[in-house]
Amino acid sequence: ELQTSFNSFSIWQAILWCYYPMAV
């Protein structure tokens, strides 16, 4: 399940997840 969830989470989502709080 962890491998499946890791594969479904794209790199762009990870980047946005890191930067959107700072942008806010």
PDB file of all heavy atoms in Angstrom:
ATOM      1  N   GLU A   1       0.836  -1.207   0.000  1.00  0.00           N
ATOM      2  CA  GLU A   1       0.000   0.000   0.000  1.00  0.00           C
ATOM      3  C   GLU A   1       0.869   1.254   0.000  1.00  0.00           C
ATOM      4  O   GLU A   1       0.544   2.240  -0.658  1.00  0.00           O
ATOM      5  CB  GLU A   1      -0.907   0.007   1.220  1.00  0.00           C
ATOM      6  CG  GLU A   1      -1.973  -1.049   1.203  1.00  0.00           C
ATOM      7  CD  GLU A   1      -2.773  -1.034   2.491  1.00  0.00           C
ATOM      8  OE1 GLU A   1      -2.674  -0.056   3.242  1.00  0.00           O
ATOM      9  OE2 GLU A   1      -3.493  -2.004   2.721  1.00  0.00           O
ATOM     10  N   LEU A   2       1.968   1.218   0.740  1.00  0.00           N
ATOM     11  CA  LEU A   2       2.872   2.357   0.783  1.00  0.00           C
ATOM     12  C   LEU A   2       3.494   2.611  -0.586  1.00  0.00           C
ATOM     13  O   LEU A   2       3.586   3.748  -1.040  1.00  0.00           O
ATOM     14  CB  LEU A   2       3.970   2.132   1.822  1.00  0.00           C
ATOM     15  CG  LEU A   2       4.981   3.255   2.006  1.00  0.00           C
ATOM     16  CD1 LEU A   2       4.281   4.517   2.485  1.00  0.00           C
ATOM     17  CD2 LEU A   2       6.045   2.842   2.981  1.00  0.00           C
ATOM     18  N   GLN A   3       3.885   1.550  -1.250  1.00  0.00           N
ATOM     19  CA  GLN A   3       4.481   1.687  -2.582  1.00  0.00           C
ATOM     20  C   GLN A   3       3.454   2.226  -3.574  1.00  0.00           C
ATOM     21  O   GLN A   3       3.774   3.075  -4.403  1.00  0.00           O
ATOM     22  CB  GLN A   3       5.013   0.329  -3.062  1.00  0.00           C
ATOM     23  CG  GLN A   3       5.733   0.388  -4.383  1.00  0.00           C
ATOM     24  CD  GLN A   3       7.019   1.191  -4.307  1.00  0.00           C
ATOM     25  OE1 GLN A   3       7.641   1.273  -3.250  1.00  0.00           O
ATOM     26  NE2 GLN A   3       7.396   1.810  -5.399  1.00  0.00           N
ATOM     27  N   THR A   4       2.213   1.780  -3.469  1.00  0.00           N
ATOM     28  CA  THR A   4       1.162   2.266  -4.359  1.00  0.00           C
ATOM     29  C   THR A   4       0.889   3.742  -4.113  1.00  0.00           C
ATOM     30  O   THR A   4       0.748   4.524  -5.065  1.00  0.00           O
ATOM     31  CB  THR A   4      -0.128   1.457  -4.152  1.00  0.00           C
ATOM     32  OG1 THR A   4       0.166   0.075  -4.344  1.00  0.00           O
ATOM     33  CG2 THR A   4      -1.206   1.899  -5.120  1.00  0.00           C
ATOM     34  N   SER A   5       0.807   4.143  -2.848  1.00  0.00           N
ATOM     35  CA  SER A   5       0.545   5.547  -2.555  1.00  0.00           C
ATOM     36  C   SER A   5       1.732   6.420  -2.950  1.00  0.00           C
ATOM     37  O   SER A   5       1.563   7.557  -3.367  1.00  0.00           O
ATOM     38  CB  SER A   5       0.218   5.738  -1.079  1.00  0.00           C
ATOM     39  OG  SER A   5       1.343   5.435  -0.278  1.00  0.00           O
ATOM     40  N   PHE A   6       2.927   5.889  -2.827  1.00  0.00           N
ATOM     41  CA  PHE A   6       4.111   6.643  -3.236  1.00  0.00           C
ATOM     42  C   PHE A   6       4.124   6.860  -4.749  1.00  0.00           C
ATOM     43  O   PHE A   6       4.467   7.934  -5.232  1.00  0.00           O
ATOM     44  CB  PHE A   6       5.386   5.906  -2.804  1.00  0.00           C
ATOM     45  CG  PHE A   6       6.642   6.620  -3.174  1.00  0.00           C
ATOM     46  CD1 PHE A   6       7.039   7.749  -2.487  1.00  0.00           C
ATOM     47  CD2 PHE A   6       7.426   6.175  -4.223  1.00  0.00           C
ATOM     48  CE1 PHE A   6       8.202   8.415  -2.826  1.00  0.00           C
ATOM     49  CE2 PHE A   6       8.583   6.832  -4.577  1.00  0.00           C
ATOM     50  CZ  PHE A   6       8.971   7.965  -3.874  1.00  0.00           C
ATOM     51  N   ASN A   7       3.735   5.867  -5.490  1.00  0.00           N
ATOM     52  CA  ASN A   7       3.714   5.978  -6.943  1.00  0.00           C
ATOM     53  C   ASN A   7       2.600   6.899  -7.439  1.00  0.00           C
ATOM     54  O   ASN A   7       2.715   7.490  -8.505  1.00  0.00           O
ATOM     55  CB  ASN A   7       3.570   4.608  -7.587  1.00  0.00           C
ATOM     56  CG  ASN A   7       4.838   3.784  -7.446  1.00  0.00           C
ATOM     57  OD1 ASN A   7       5.914   4.336  -7.269  1.00  0.00           O
ATOM     58  ND2 ASN A   7       4.697   2.470  -7.516  1.00  0.00           N
ATOM     59  N   SER A   8       1.519   7.019  -6.684  1.00  0.00           N
ATOM     60  CA  SER A   8       0.405   7.854  -7.122  1.00  0.00           C
ATOM     61  C   SER A   8       0.632   9.333  -6.782  1.00  0.00           C
ATOM     62  O   SER A   8      -0.092  10.192  -7.261  1.00  0.00           O
ATOM     63  CB  SER A   8      -0.900   7.383  -6.485  1.00  0.00           C
ATOM     64  OG  SER A   8      -0.869   7.613  -5.096  1.00  0.00           O
ATOM     65  N   PHE A   9       1.624   9.640  -5.976  1.00  0.00           N
ATOM     66  CA  PHE A   9       1.916  11.018  -5.574  1.00  0.00           C
ATOM     67  C   PHE A   9       3.005  11.565  -6.486  1.00  0.00           C
ATOM     68  O   PHE A   9       4.156  11.147  -6.429  1.00  0.00           O
ATOM     69  CB  PHE A   9       2.388  11.019  -4.109  1.00  0.00           C
ATOM     70  CG  PHE A   9       2.297  12.351  -3.445  1.00  0.00           C
ATOM     71  CD1 PHE A   9       1.072  12.886  -3.102  1.00  0.00           C
ATOM     72  CD2 PHE A   9       3.437  13.074  -3.165  1.00  0.00           C
ATOM     73  CE1 PHE A   9       0.988  14.110  -2.482  1.00  0.00           C
ATOM     74  CE2 PHE A   9       3.363  14.300  -2.545  1.00  0.00           C
ATOM     75  CZ  PHE A   9       2.137  14.819  -2.206  1.00  0.00           C
ATOM     76  N   SER A  10       2.656  12.495  -7.360  1.00  0.00           N
ATOM     77  CA  SER A  10       3.618  12.981  -8.360  1.00  0.00           C
ATOM     78  C   SER A  10       4.620  13.951  -7.733  1.00  0.00           C
ATOM     79  O   SER A  10       4.397  14.503  -6.661  1.00  0.00           O
ATOM     80  CB  SER A  10       2.891  13.664  -9.510  1.00  0.00           C
ATOM     81  OG  SER A  10       2.372  14.902  -9.074  1.00  0.00           O
ATOM     82  N   ILE A  11       5.694  14.167  -8.448  1.00  0.00           N
ATOM     83  CA  ILE A  11       6.741  15.073  -7.971  1.00  0.00           C
ATOM     84  C   ILE A  11       6.226  16.504  -7.905  1.00  0.00           C
ATOM     85  O   ILE A  11       6.617  17.277  -7.021  1.00  0.00           O
ATOM     86  CB  ILE A  11       8.013  14.958  -8.836  1.00  0.00           C
ATOM     87  CG1 ILE A  11       9.180  15.759  -8.233  1.00  0.00           C
ATOM     88  CG2 ILE A  11       7.752  15.449 -10.243  1.00  0.00           C
ATOM     89  CD1 ILE A  11       9.735  15.177  -6.989  1.00  0.00           C
ATOM     90  N   TRP A  12       5.318  16.886  -8.810  1.00  0.00           N
ATOM     91  CA  TRP A  12       4.779  18.244  -8.785  1.00  0.00           C
ATOM     92  C   TRP A  12       3.907  18.477  -7.561  1.00  0.00           C
ATOM     93  O   TRP A  12       3.906  19.568  -6.997  1.00  0.00           O
ATOM     94  CB  TRP A  12       3.999  18.519 -10.067  1.00  0.00           C
ATOM     95  CG  TRP A  12       4.890  18.432 -11.258  1.00  0.00           C
ATOM     96  CD1 TRP A  12       4.842  17.482 -12.233  1.00  0.00           C
ATOM     97  CD2 TRP A  12       5.991  19.275 -11.576  1.00  0.00           C
ATOM     98  NE1 TRP A  12       5.844  17.705 -13.148  1.00  0.00           N
ATOM     99  CE2 TRP A  12       6.569  18.800 -12.767  1.00  0.00           C
ATOM    100  CE3 TRP A  12       6.549  20.397 -10.974  1.00  0.00           C
ATOM    101  CZ2 TRP A  12       7.665  19.411 -13.350  1.00  0.00           C
ATOM    102  CZ3 TRP A  12       7.643  21.003 -11.564  1.00  0.00           C
ATOM    103  CH2 TRP A  12       8.186  20.502 -12.727  1.00  0.00           C
ATOM    104  N   GLN A  13       3.190  17.456  -7.160  1.00  0.00           N
ATOM    105  CA  GLN A  13       2.396  17.584  -5.944  1.00  0.00           C
ATOM    106  C   GLN A  13       3.303  17.738  -4.735  1.00  0.00           C
ATOM    107  O   GLN A  13       2.995  18.500  -3.816  1.00  0.00           O
ATOM    108  CB  GLN A  13       1.498  16.365  -5.765  1.00  0.00           C
ATOM    109  CG  GLN A  13       0.346  16.317  -6.727  1.00  0.00           C
ATOM    110  CD  GLN A  13      -0.441  15.032  -6.589  1.00  0.00           C
ATOM    111  OE1 GLN A  13       0.109  14.001  -6.217  1.00  0.00           O
ATOM    112  NE2 GLN A  13      -1.722  15.093  -6.899  1.00  0.00           N
ATOM    113  N   ALA A  14       4.410  17.042  -4.719  1.00  0.00           N
ATOM    114  CA  ALA A  14       5.352  17.154  -3.610  1.00  0.00           C
ATOM    115  C   ALA A  14       5.965  18.552  -3.550  1.00  0.00           C
ATOM    116  O   ALA A  14       6.106  19.132  -2.477  1.00  0.00           O
ATOM    117  CB  ALA A  14       6.444  16.098  -3.742  1.00  0.00           C
ATOM    118  N   ILE A  15       6.315  19.097  -4.707  1.00  0.00           N
ATOM    119  CA  ILE A  15       6.887  20.440  -4.740  1.00  0.00           C
ATOM    120  C   ILE A  15       5.863  21.465  -4.276  1.00  0.00           C
ATOM    121  O   ILE A  15       6.176  22.351  -3.470  1.00  0.00           O
ATOM    122  CB  ILE A  15       7.403  20.761  -6.158  1.00  0.00           C
ATOM    123  CG1 ILE A  15       8.633  19.899  -6.452  1.00  0.00           C
ATOM    124  CG2 ILE A  15       7.732  22.242  -6.300  1.00  0.00           C
ATOM    125  CD1 ILE A  15       9.099  19.969  -7.882  1.00  0.00           C
ATOM    126  N   LEU A  16       4.632  21.354  -4.768  1.00  0.00           N
ATOM    127  CA  LEU A  16       3.585  22.276  -4.344  1.00  0.00           C
ATOM    128  C   LEU A  16       3.305  22.148  -2.850  1.00  0.00           C
ATOM    129  O   LEU A  16       3.067  23.141  -2.160  1.00  0.00           O
ATOM    130  CB  LEU A  16       2.310  22.041  -5.145  1.00  0.00           C
ATOM    131  CG  LEU A  16       2.353  22.506  -6.585  1.00  0.00           C
ATOM    132  CD1 LEU A  16       1.061  22.123  -7.294  1.00  0.00           C
ATOM    133  CD2 LEU A  16       2.576  23.998  -6.659  1.00  0.00           C
ATOM    134  N   TRP A  17       3.338  20.935  -2.333  1.00  0.00           N
ATOM    135  CA  TRP A  17       3.085  20.691  -0.921  1.00  0.00           C
ATOM    136  C   TRP A  17       4.136  21.395  -0.066  1.00  0.00           C
ATOM    137  O   TRP A  17       3.853  21.875   1.025  1.00  0.00           O
ATOM    138  CB  TRP A  17       3.096  19.184  -0.651  1.00  0.00           C
ATOM    139  CG  TRP A  17       2.785  18.835   0.757  1.00  0.00           C
ATOM    140  CD1 TRP A  17       3.665  18.429   1.703  1.00  0.00           C
ATOM    141  CD2 TRP A  17       1.507  18.859   1.397  1.00  0.00           C
ATOM    142  NE1 TRP A  17       3.022  18.197   2.879  1.00  0.00           N
ATOM    143  CE2 TRP A  17       1.699  18.453   2.715  1.00  0.00           C
ATOM    144  CE3 TRP A  17       0.232  19.192   0.961  1.00  0.00           C
ATOM    145  CZ2 TRP A  17       0.647  18.375   3.625  1.00  0.00           C
ATOM    146  CZ3 TRP A  17      -0.805  19.107   1.865  1.00  0.00           C
ATOM    147  CH2 TRP A  17      -0.599  18.696   3.165  1.00  0.00           C
ATOM    148  N   CYS A  18       5.356  21.502  -0.570  1.00  0.00           N
ATOM    149  CA  CYS A  18       6.427  22.168   0.179  1.00  0.00           C
ATOM    150  C   CYS A  18       6.345  23.686   0.083  1.00  0.00           C
ATOM    151  O   CYS A  18       6.652  24.391   1.039  1.00  0.00           O
ATOM    152  CB  CYS A  18       7.789  21.714  -0.334  1.00  0.00           C
ATOM    153  SG  CYS A  18       8.140  19.992  -0.007  1.00  0.00           S
ATOM    154  N   TYR A  19       5.945  24.201  -1.078  1.00  0.00           N
ATOM    155  CA  TYR A  19       6.025  25.639  -1.305  1.00  0.00           C
ATOM    156  C   TYR A  19       4.739  26.414  -1.083  1.00  0.00           C
ATOM    157  O   TYR A  19       4.791  27.625  -0.914  1.00  0.00           O
ATOM    158  CB  TYR A  19       6.537  25.916  -2.716  1.00  0.00           C
ATOM    159  CG  TYR A  19       8.008  25.623  -2.845  1.00  0.00           C
ATOM    160  CD1 TYR A  19       8.450  24.548  -3.601  1.00  0.00           C
ATOM    161  CD2 TYR A  19       8.945  26.394  -2.196  1.00  0.00           C
ATOM    162  CE1 TYR A  19       9.794  24.265  -3.713  1.00  0.00           C
ATOM    163  CE2 TYR A  19      10.288  26.119  -2.294  1.00  0.00           C
ATOM    164  CZ  TYR A  19      10.709  25.060  -3.053  1.00  0.00           C
ATOM    165  OH  TYR A  19      12.037  24.788  -3.155  1.00  0.00           O
ATOM    166  N   TYR A  20       3.590  25.776  -1.089  1.00  0.00           N
ATOM    167  CA  TYR A  20       2.374  26.572  -0.953  1.00  0.00           C
ATOM    168  C   TYR A  20       2.224  27.191   0.429  1.00  0.00           C
ATOM    169  O   TYR A  20       1.724  28.318   0.534  1.00  0.00           O
ATOM    170  CB  TYR A  20       1.121  25.796  -1.378  1.00  0.00           C
ATOM    171  CG  TYR A  20       0.466  24.979  -0.300  1.00  0.00           C
ATOM    172  CD1 TYR A  20      -0.492  25.550   0.526  1.00  0.00           C
ATOM    173  CD2 TYR A  20       0.785  23.644  -0.106  1.00  0.00           C
ATOM    174  CE1 TYR A  20      -1.091  24.809   1.519  1.00  0.00           C
ATOM    175  CE2 TYR A  20       0.193  22.917   0.877  1.00  0.00           C
ATOM    176  CZ  TYR A  20      -0.747  23.493   1.692  1.00  0.00           C
ATOM    177  OH  TYR A  20      -1.328  22.759   2.671  1.00  0.00           O
ATOM    178  N   PRO A  21       2.663  26.575   1.531  1.00  0.00           N
ATOM    179  CA  PRO A  21       2.551  27.287   2.817  1.00  0.00           C
ATOM    180  C   PRO A  21       3.399  28.563   2.848  1.00  0.00           C
ATOM    181  O   PRO A  21       2.965  29.589   3.375  1.00  0.00           O
ATOM    182  CB  PRO A  21       3.061  26.278   3.849  1.00  0.00           C
ATOM    183  CG  PRO A  21       2.915  24.957   3.195  1.00  0.00           C
ATOM    184  CD  PRO A  21       3.124  25.202   1.740  1.00  0.00           C
ATOM    185  N   MET A  22       4.588  28.523   2.261  1.00  0.00           N
ATOM    186  CA  MET A  22       5.430  29.715   2.219  1.00  0.00           C
ATOM    187  C   MET A  22       4.806  30.774   1.328  1.00  0.00           C
ATOM    188  O   MET A  22       4.851  31.964   1.646  1.00  0.00           O
ATOM    189  CB  MET A  22       6.823  29.350   1.706  1.00  0.00           C
ATOM    190  CG  MET A  22       7.805  30.471   1.843  1.00  0.00           C
ATOM    191  SD  MET A  22       8.015  31.077   3.522  1.00  0.00           S
ATOM    192  CE  MET A  22       8.842  29.701   4.270  1.00  0.00           C
ATOM    193  N   ALA A  23       4.206  30.367   0.233  1.00  0.00           N
ATOM    194  CA  ALA A  23       3.540  31.329  -0.651  1.00  0.00           C
ATOM    195  C   ALA A  23       2.360  31.993   0.061  1.00  0.00           C
ATOM    196  O   ALA A  23       2.129  33.195  -0.107  1.00  0.00           O
ATOM    197  CB  ALA A  23       3.072  30.634  -1.922  1.00  0.00           C
ATOM    198  N   VAL A  24       1.650  31.245   0.868  1.00  0.00           N
ATOM    199  CA  VAL A  24       0.526  31.818   1.622  1.00  0.00           C
ATOM    200  C   VAL A  24       1.049  32.838   2.635  1.00  0.00           C
ATOM    201  O   VAL A  24       0.480  33.926   2.787  1.00  0.00           O
ATOM    202  CB  VAL A  24      -0.283  30.700   2.322  1.00  0.00           C
ATOM    203  CG1 VAL A  24      -1.254  31.271   3.322  1.00  0.00           C
ATOM    204  CG2 VAL A  24      -1.015  29.864   1.296  1.00  0.00           C
TER     205      VAL A  24
END
